[in-house]
Amino acid sequence: FGLESARNLRIARHQVAAAMGAEPDRVFFTSGG
């Protein structure tokens, strides 16, 4: 159940990185701007 959430987190990082034109491992989530 936790590993499924971890997979979703990886997918989310890739999605935000793709929208930014960034490398996924260089995008770090925060609470906002």
PDB file of all heavy atoms in Angstrom:
ATOM      1  N   PHE A   1       0.827  -1.203   0.000  1.00  0.00           N
ATOM      2  CA  PHE A   1       0.000   0.000   0.000  1.00  0.00           C
ATOM      3  C   PHE A   1       0.864   1.257   0.000  1.00  0.00           C
ATOM      4  O   PHE A   1       0.572   2.231  -0.698  1.00  0.00           O
ATOM      5  CB  PHE A   1      -0.906  -0.044   1.232  1.00  0.00           C
ATOM      6  CG  PHE A   1      -2.010   0.972   1.218  1.00  0.00           C
ATOM      7  CD1 PHE A   1      -2.696   1.287   0.049  1.00  0.00           C
ATOM      8  CD2 PHE A   1      -2.385   1.619   2.387  1.00  0.00           C
ATOM      9  CE1 PHE A   1      -3.727   2.217   0.041  1.00  0.00           C
ATOM     10  CE2 PHE A   1      -3.414   2.558   2.399  1.00  0.00           C
ATOM     11  CZ  PHE A   1      -4.087   2.855   1.220  1.00  0.00           C
ATOM     12  N   GLY A   2       1.948   1.227   0.775  1.00  0.00           N
ATOM     13  CA  GLY A   2       2.865   2.353   0.787  1.00  0.00           C
ATOM     14  C   GLY A   2       3.664   2.459  -0.499  1.00  0.00           C
ATOM     15  O   GLY A   2       3.911   3.553  -1.009  1.00  0.00           O
ATOM     16  N   LEU A   3       4.088   1.307  -1.036  1.00  0.00           N
ATOM     17  CA  LEU A   3       4.849   1.316  -2.283  1.00  0.00           C
ATOM     18  C   LEU A   3       4.031   1.885  -3.435  1.00  0.00           C
ATOM     19  O   LEU A   3       4.578   2.511  -4.350  1.00  0.00           O
ATOM     20  CB  LEU A   3       5.338  -0.097  -2.602  1.00  0.00           C
ATOM     21  CG  LEU A   3       6.356  -0.682  -1.616  1.00  0.00           C
ATOM     22  CD1 LEU A   3       6.657  -2.138  -1.968  1.00  0.00           C
ATOM     23  CD2 LEU A   3       7.643   0.144  -1.612  1.00  0.00           C
ATOM     24  N   GLU A   4       2.702   1.660  -3.389  1.00  0.00           N
ATOM     25  CA  GLU A   4       1.841   2.245  -4.416  1.00  0.00           C
ATOM     26  C   GLU A   4       1.871   3.767  -4.343  1.00  0.00           C
ATOM     27  O   GLU A   4       1.934   4.456  -5.365  1.00  0.00           O
ATOM     28  CB  GLU A   4       0.408   1.742  -4.245  1.00  0.00           C
ATOM     29  CG  GLU A   4      -0.555   2.276  -5.299  1.00  0.00           C
ATOM     30  CD  GLU A   4      -1.980   1.797  -5.085  1.00  0.00           C
ATOM     31  OE1 GLU A   4      -2.264   1.203  -4.026  1.00  0.00           O
ATOM     32  OE2 GLU A   4      -2.817   2.037  -5.986  1.00  0.00           O
ATOM     33  N   SER A   5       1.859   4.294  -3.125  1.00  0.00           N
ATOM     34  CA  SER A   5       1.963   5.745  -2.967  1.00  0.00           C
ATOM     35  C   SER A   5       3.318   6.252  -3.442  1.00  0.00           C
ATOM     36  O   SER A   5       3.417   7.327  -4.046  1.00  0.00           O
ATOM     37  CB  SER A   5       1.754   6.125  -1.499  1.00  0.00           C
ATOM     38  OG  SER A   5       0.408   5.978  -1.126  1.00  0.00           O
ATOM     39  N   ALA A   6       4.368   5.491  -3.173  1.00  0.00           N
ATOM     40  CA  ALA A   6       5.700   5.883  -3.631  1.00  0.00           C
ATOM     41  C   ALA A   6       5.752   5.934  -5.159  1.00  0.00           C
ATOM     42  O   ALA A   6       6.375   6.833  -5.740  1.00  0.00           O
ATOM     43  CB  ALA A   6       6.741   4.911  -3.089  1.00  0.00           C
ATOM     44  N   ARG A   7       5.111   4.967  -5.806  1.00  0.00           N
ATOM     45  CA  ARG A   7       5.053   4.988  -7.279  1.00  0.00           C
ATOM     46  C   ARG A   7       4.295   6.227  -7.764  1.00  0.00           C
ATOM     47  O   ARG A   7       4.705   6.882  -8.732  1.00  0.00           O
ATOM     48  CB  ARG A   7       4.394   3.721  -7.801  1.00  0.00           C
ATOM     49  CG  ARG A   7       5.274   2.481  -7.732  1.00  0.00           C
ATOM     50  CD  ARG A   7       4.679   1.342  -8.540  1.00  0.00           C
ATOM     51  NE  ARG A   7       3.407   0.882  -7.967  1.00  0.00           N
ATOM     52  CZ  ARG A   7       3.294  -0.062  -7.047  1.00  0.00           C
ATOM     53  NH1 ARG A   7       4.386  -0.655  -6.572  1.00  0.00           N
ATOM     54  NH2 ARG A   7       2.118  -0.425  -6.588  1.00  0.00           N
ATOM     55  N   ASN A   8       3.193   6.541  -7.106  1.00  0.00           N
ATOM     56  CA  ASN A   8       2.424   7.732  -7.490  1.00  0.00           C
ATOM     57  C   ASN A   8       3.243   9.005  -7.306  1.00  0.00           C
ATOM     58  O   ASN A   8       3.141   9.941  -8.103  1.00  0.00           O
ATOM     59  CB  ASN A   8       1.145   7.809  -6.653  1.00  0.00           C
ATOM     60  CG  ASN A   8       0.139   6.738  -7.013  1.00  0.00           C
ATOM     61  OD1 ASN A   8       0.176   6.179  -8.114  1.00  0.00           O
ATOM     62  ND2 ASN A   8      -0.766   6.428  -6.098  1.00  0.00           N
ATOM     63  N   LEU A   9       4.057   9.039  -6.265  1.00  0.00           N
ATOM     64  CA  LEU A   9       4.921  10.201  -6.035  1.00  0.00           C
ATOM     65  C   LEU A   9       5.951  10.338  -7.150  1.00  0.00           C
ATOM     66  O   LEU A   9       6.217  11.443  -7.632  1.00  0.00           O
ATOM     67  CB  LEU A   9       5.610  10.072  -4.676  1.00  0.00           C
ATOM     68  CG  LEU A   9       6.524  11.223  -4.251  1.00  0.00           C
ATOM     69  CD1 LEU A   9       5.763  12.535  -4.179  1.00  0.00           C
ATOM     70  CD2 LEU A   9       7.192  10.906  -2.912  1.00  0.00           C
ATOM     71  N   ARG A  10       6.528   9.227  -7.574  1.00  0.00           N
ATOM     72  CA  ARG A  10       7.496   9.279  -8.681  1.00  0.00           C
ATOM     73  C   ARG A  10       6.833   9.768  -9.960  1.00  0.00           C
ATOM     74  O   ARG A  10       7.405  10.581 -10.705  1.00  0.00           O
ATOM     75  CB  ARG A  10       8.114   7.896  -8.901  1.00  0.00           C
ATOM     76  CG  ARG A  10       9.136   7.485  -7.846  1.00  0.00           C
ATOM     77  CD  ARG A  10       9.963   6.306  -8.312  1.00  0.00           C
ATOM     78  NE  ARG A  10       9.147   5.116  -8.513  1.00  0.00           N
ATOM     79  CZ  ARG A  10       8.849   4.239  -7.576  1.00  0.00           C
ATOM     80  NH1 ARG A  10       9.278   4.405  -6.337  1.00  0.00           N
ATOM     81  NH2 ARG A  10       8.115   3.166  -7.850  1.00  0.00           N
ATOM     82  N   ILE A  11       5.631   9.267 -10.225  1.00  0.00           N
ATOM     83  CA  ILE A  11       4.912   9.705 -11.422  1.00  0.00           C
ATOM     84  C   ILE A  11       4.632  11.202 -11.355  1.00  0.00           C
ATOM     85  O   ILE A  11       4.804  11.932 -12.343  1.00  0.00           O
ATOM     86  CB  ILE A  11       3.597   8.915 -11.578  1.00  0.00           C
ATOM     87  CG1 ILE A  11       3.903   7.444 -11.900  1.00  0.00           C
ATOM     88  CG2 ILE A  11       2.718   9.518 -12.675  1.00  0.00           C
ATOM     89  CD1 ILE A  11       2.684   6.534 -11.826  1.00  0.00           C
ATOM     90  N   ALA A  12       4.207  11.669 -10.167  1.00  0.00           N
ATOM     91  CA  ALA A  12       3.925  13.094 -10.002  1.00  0.00           C
ATOM     92  C   ALA A  12       5.163  13.944 -10.258  1.00  0.00           C
ATOM     93  O   ALA A  12       5.100  14.988 -10.913  1.00  0.00           O
ATOM     94  CB  ALA A  12       3.388  13.354  -8.592  1.00  0.00           C
ATOM     95  N   ARG A  13       6.301  13.499  -9.756  1.00  0.00           N
ATOM     96  CA  ARG A  13       7.543  14.250  -9.960  1.00  0.00           C
ATOM     97  C   ARG A  13       7.883  14.324 -11.452  1.00  0.00           C
ATOM     98  O   ARG A  13       8.310  15.360 -11.949  1.00  0.00           O
ATOM     99  CB  ARG A  13       8.685  13.598  -9.173  1.00  0.00           C
ATOM    100  CG  ARG A  13       9.872  14.544  -8.942  1.00  0.00           C
ATOM    101  CD  ARG A  13      10.994  13.868  -8.153  1.00  0.00           C
ATOM    102  NE  ARG A  13      10.536  13.225  -6.945  1.00  0.00           N
ATOM    103  CZ  ARG A  13      10.282  13.857  -5.799  1.00  0.00           C
ATOM    104  NH1 ARG A  13      10.440  15.165  -5.725  1.00  0.00           N
ATOM    105  NH2 ARG A  13       9.875  13.183  -4.726  1.00  0.00           N
ATOM    106  N   HIS A  14       7.693  13.215 -12.151  1.00  0.00           N
ATOM    107  CA  HIS A  14       7.943  13.206 -13.593  1.00  0.00           C
ATOM    108  C   HIS A  14       6.978  14.147 -14.325  1.00  0.00           C
ATOM    109  O   HIS A  14       7.373  14.811 -15.293  1.00  0.00           O
ATOM    110  CB  HIS A  14       7.828  11.786 -14.150  1.00  0.00           C
ATOM    111  CG  HIS A  14       9.069  10.972 -13.978  1.00  0.00           C
ATOM    112  ND1 HIS A  14       9.439  10.410 -12.773  1.00  0.00           N
ATOM    113  CD2 HIS A  14      10.040  10.622 -14.869  1.00  0.00           C
ATOM    114  CE1 HIS A  14      10.576   9.747 -12.917  1.00  0.00           C
ATOM    115  NE2 HIS A  14      10.964   9.860 -14.178  1.00  0.00           N
ATOM    116  N   GLN A  15       5.728  14.192 -13.880  1.00  0.00           N
ATOM    117  CA  GLN A  15       4.757  15.061 -14.543  1.00  0.00           C
ATOM    118  C   GLN A  15       5.111  16.532 -14.366  1.00  0.00           C
ATOM    119  O   GLN A  15       5.073  17.314 -15.330  1.00  0.00           O
ATOM    120  CB  GLN A  15       3.355  14.781 -13.999  1.00  0.00           C
ATOM    121  CG  GLN A  15       2.769  13.458 -14.441  1.00  0.00           C
ATOM    122  CD  GLN A  15       1.434  13.168 -13.785  1.00  0.00           C
ATOM    123  OE1 GLN A  15       1.267  13.352 -12.577  1.00  0.00           O
ATOM    124  NE2 GLN A  15       0.473  12.713 -14.570  1.00  0.00           N
ATOM    125  N   VAL A  16       5.443  16.937 -13.158  1.00  0.00           N
ATOM    126  CA  VAL A  16       5.811  18.333 -12.924  1.00  0.00           C
ATOM    127  C   VAL A  16       7.111  18.659 -13.652  1.00  0.00           C
ATOM    128  O   VAL A  16       7.241  19.721 -14.272  1.00  0.00           O
ATOM    129  CB  VAL A  16       5.933  18.615 -11.418  1.00  0.00           C
ATOM    130  CG1 VAL A  16       6.496  20.014 -11.165  1.00  0.00           C
ATOM    131  CG2 VAL A  16       4.573  18.462 -10.735  1.00  0.00           C
ATOM    132  N   ALA A  17       8.067  17.739 -13.612  1.00  0.00           N
ATOM    133  CA  ALA A  17       9.340  17.967 -14.303  1.00  0.00           C
ATOM    134  C   ALA A  17       9.131  18.121 -15.804  1.00  0.00           C
ATOM    135  O   ALA A  17       9.740  18.996 -16.439  1.00  0.00           O
ATOM    136  CB  ALA A  17      10.292  16.810 -14.017  1.00  0.00           C
ATOM    137  N   ALA A  18       8.270  17.296 -16.378  1.00  0.00           N
ATOM    138  CA  ALA A  18       8.003  17.384 -17.812  1.00  0.00           C
ATOM    139  C   ALA A  18       7.396  18.735 -18.164  1.00  0.00           C
ATOM    140  O   ALA A  18       7.744  19.350 -19.187  1.00  0.00           O
ATOM    141  CB  ALA A  18       7.073  16.245 -18.240  1.00  0.00           C
ATOM    142  N   ALA A  19       6.484  19.229 -17.326  1.00  0.00           N
ATOM    143  CA  ALA A  19       5.875  20.524 -17.585  1.00  0.00           C
ATOM    144  C   ALA A  19       6.885  21.661 -17.478  1.00  0.00           C
ATOM    145  O   ALA A  19       6.759  22.678 -18.160  1.00  0.00           O
ATOM    146  CB  ALA A  19       4.716  20.756 -16.610  1.00  0.00           C
ATOM    147  N   MET A  20       7.907  21.489 -16.636  1.00  0.00           N
ATOM    148  CA  MET A  20       8.944  22.503 -16.465  1.00  0.00           C
ATOM    149  C   MET A  20      10.096  22.343 -17.450  1.00  0.00           C
ATOM    150  O   MET A  20      10.944  23.238 -17.554  1.00  0.00           O
ATOM    151  CB  MET A  20       9.524  22.435 -15.046  1.00  0.00           C
ATOM    152  CG  MET A  20       8.574  22.801 -13.940  1.00  0.00           C
ATOM    153  SD  MET A  20       9.381  22.713 -12.307  1.00  0.00           S
ATOM    154  CE  MET A  20      10.555  24.092 -12.418  1.00  0.00           C
ATOM    155  N   GLY A  21      10.153  21.202 -18.137  1.00  0.00           N
ATOM    156  CA  GLY A  21      11.323  20.915 -18.962  1.00  0.00           C
ATOM    157  C   GLY A  21      12.536  20.629 -18.108  1.00  0.00           C
ATOM    158  O   GLY A  21      13.653  21.055 -18.416  1.00  0.00           O
ATOM    159  N   ALA A  22      12.321  19.889 -17.026  1.00  0.00           N
ATOM    160  CA  ALA A  22      13.365  19.650 -16.031  1.00  0.00           C
ATOM    161  C   ALA A  22      13.678  18.169 -15.911  1.00  0.00           C
ATOM    162  O   ALA A  22      12.890  17.308 -16.318  1.00  0.00           O
ATOM    163  CB  ALA A  22      12.920  20.182 -14.675  1.00  0.00           C
ATOM    164  N   GLU A  23      14.838  17.868 -15.333  1.00  0.00           N
ATOM    165  CA  GLU A  23      15.171  16.507 -14.982  1.00  0.00           C
ATOM    166  C   GLU A  23      14.360  16.123 -13.740  1.00  0.00           C
ATOM    167  O   GLU A  23      14.348  16.865 -12.759  1.00  0.00           O
ATOM    168  CB  GLU A  23      16.670  16.379 -14.671  1.00  0.00           C
ATOM    169  CG  GLU A  23      17.586  16.913 -15.779  1.00  0.00           C
ATOM    170  CD  GLU A  23      17.927  18.390 -15.609  1.00  0.00           C
ATOM    171  OE1 GLU A  23      17.135  19.124 -14.960  1.00  0.00           O
ATOM    172  OE2 GLU A  23      18.971  18.814 -16.135  1.00  0.00           O
ATOM    173  N   PRO A  24      13.671  14.987 -13.749  1.00  0.00           N
ATOM    174  CA  PRO A  24      12.801  14.652 -12.606  1.00  0.00           C
ATOM    175  C   PRO A  24      13.524  14.632 -11.263  1.00  0.00           C
ATOM    176  O   PRO A  24      12.948  15.035 -10.247  1.00  0.00           O
ATOM    177  CB  PRO A  24      12.266  13.263 -12.969  1.00  0.00           C
ATOM    178  CG  PRO A  24      12.305  13.234 -14.464  1.00  0.00           C
ATOM    179  CD  PRO A  24      13.527  14.016 -14.842  1.00  0.00           C
ATOM    180  N   ASP A  25      14.778  14.200 -11.268  1.00  0.00           N
ATOM    181  CA  ASP A  25      15.478  14.109  -9.975  1.00  0.00           C
ATOM    182  C   ASP A  25      15.975  15.464  -9.475  1.00  0.00           C
ATOM    183  O   ASP A  25      16.590  15.546  -8.417  1.00  0.00           O
ATOM    184  CB  ASP A  25      16.645  13.122 -10.066  1.00  0.00           C
ATOM    185  CG  ASP A  25      17.732  13.575 -11.029  1.00  0.00           C
ATOM    186  OD1 ASP A  25      17.467  14.467 -11.870  1.00  0.00           O
ATOM    187  OD2 ASP A  25      18.847  13.044 -10.954  1.00  0.00           O
ATOM    188  N   ARG A  26      15.660  16.532 -10.222  1.00  0.00           N
ATOM    189  CA  ARG A  26      16.054  17.876  -9.787  1.00  0.00           C
ATOM    190  C   ARG A  26      14.857  18.710  -9.350  1.00  0.00           C
ATOM    191  O   ARG A  26      14.995  19.913  -9.093  1.00  0.00           O
ATOM    192  CB  ARG A  26      16.796  18.611 -10.922  1.00  0.00           C
ATOM    193  CG  ARG A  26      17.983  17.868 -11.496  1.00  0.00           C
ATOM    194  CD  ARG A  26      18.977  17.448 -10.434  1.00  0.00           C
ATOM    195  NE  ARG A  26      19.559  18.580  -9.733  1.00  0.00           N
ATOM    196  CZ  ARG A  26      20.383  18.480  -8.700  1.00  0.00           C
ATOM    197  NH1 ARG A  26      20.726  17.290  -8.241  1.00  0.00           N
ATOM    198  NH2 ARG A  26      20.875  19.567  -8.109  1.00  0.00           N
ATOM    199  N   VAL A  27      13.687  18.096  -9.262  1.00  0.00           N
ATOM    200  CA  VAL A  27      12.466  18.787  -8.840  1.00  0.00           C
ATOM    201  C   VAL A  27      12.109  18.336  -7.431  1.00  0.00           C
ATOM    202  O   VAL A  27      11.928  17.141  -7.183  1.00  0.00           O
ATOM    203  CB  VAL A  27      11.301  18.501  -9.805  1.00  0.00           C
ATOM    204  CG1 VAL A  27       9.996  19.076  -9.272  1.00  0.00           C
ATOM    205  CG2 VAL A  27      11.609  19.084 -11.185  1.00  0.00           C
ATOM    206  N   PHE A  28      11.976  19.290  -6.503  1.00  0.00           N
ATOM    207  CA  PHE A  28      11.713  18.975  -5.110  1.00  0.00           C
ATOM    208  C   PHE A  28      10.440  19.691  -4.669  1.00  0.00           C
ATOM    209  O   PHE A  28      10.321  20.913  -4.821  1.00  0.00           O
ATOM    210  CB  PHE A  28      12.908  19.377  -4.243  1.00  0.00           C
ATOM    211  CG  PHE A  28      14.159  18.645  -4.634  1.00  0.00           C
ATOM    212  CD1 PHE A  28      15.029  19.191  -5.572  1.00  0.00           C
ATOM    213  CD2 PHE A  28      14.443  17.393  -4.109  1.00  0.00           C
ATOM    214  CE1 PHE A  28      16.172  18.505  -5.965  1.00  0.00           C
ATOM    215  CE2 PHE A  28      15.588  16.706  -4.496  1.00  0.00           C
ATOM    216  CZ  PHE A  28      16.453  17.249  -5.427  1.00  0.00           C
ATOM    217  N   PHE A  29       9.504  18.935  -4.125  1.00  0.00           N
ATOM    218  CA  PHE A  29       8.204  19.484  -3.764  1.00  0.00           C
ATOM    219  C   PHE A  29       8.288  20.321  -2.487  1.00  0.00           C
ATOM    220  O   PHE A  29       9.016  19.986  -1.549  1.00  0.00           O
ATOM    221  CB  PHE A  29       7.176  18.369  -3.604  1.00  0.00           C
ATOM    222  CG  PHE A  29       6.813  17.709  -4.904  1.00  0.00           C
ATOM    223  CD1 PHE A  29       7.092  16.363  -5.136  1.00  0.00           C
ATOM    224  CD2 PHE A  29       6.188  18.436  -5.908  1.00  0.00           C
ATOM    225  CE1 PHE A  29       6.764  15.761  -6.335  1.00  0.00           C
ATOM    226  CE2 PHE A  29       5.855  17.840  -7.119  1.00  0.00           C
ATOM    227  CZ  PHE A  29       6.145  16.499  -7.328  1.00  0.00           C
ATOM    228  N   THR A  30       7.523  21.400  -2.478  1.00  0.00           N
ATOM    229  CA  THR A  30       7.415  22.298  -1.330  1.00  0.00           C
ATOM    230  C   THR A  30       5.925  22.553  -1.066  1.00  0.00           C
ATOM    231  O   THR A  30       5.063  22.018  -1.762  1.00  0.00           O
ATOM    232  CB  THR A  30       8.111  23.642  -1.604  1.00  0.00           C
ATOM    233  OG1 THR A  30       7.392  24.344  -2.639  1.00  0.00           O
ATOM    234  CG2 THR A  30       9.563  23.442  -2.035  1.00  0.00           C
ATOM    235  N   SER A  31       5.655  23.408  -0.100  1.00  0.00           N
ATOM    236  CA  SER A  31       4.262  23.756   0.191  1.00  0.00           C
ATOM    237  C   SER A  31       3.747  24.866  -0.711  1.00  0.00           C
ATOM    238  O   SER A  31       2.573  25.231  -0.641  1.00  0.00           O
ATOM    239  CB  SER A  31       4.119  24.191   1.650  1.00  0.00           C
ATOM    240  OG  SER A  31       4.795  25.415   1.871  1.00  0.00           O
ATOM    241  N   GLY A  32       4.590  25.416  -1.571  1.00  0.00           N
ATOM    242  CA  GLY A  32       4.161  26.469  -2.477  1.00  0.00           C
ATOM    243  C   GLY A  32       5.316  27.323  -2.938  1.00  0.00           C
ATOM    244  O   GLY A  32       6.489  27.062  -2.622  1.00  0.00           O
ATOM    245  N   GLY A  33       4.993  28.378  -3.683  1.00  0.00           N
ATOM    246  CA  GLY A  33       6.029  29.253  -4.211  1.00  0.00           C
ATOM    247  C   GLY A  33       6.767  30.025  -3.138  1.00  0.00           C
ATOM    248  O   GLY A  33       7.978  30.243  -3.236  1.00  0.00           O
TER     249      GLY A  33
END
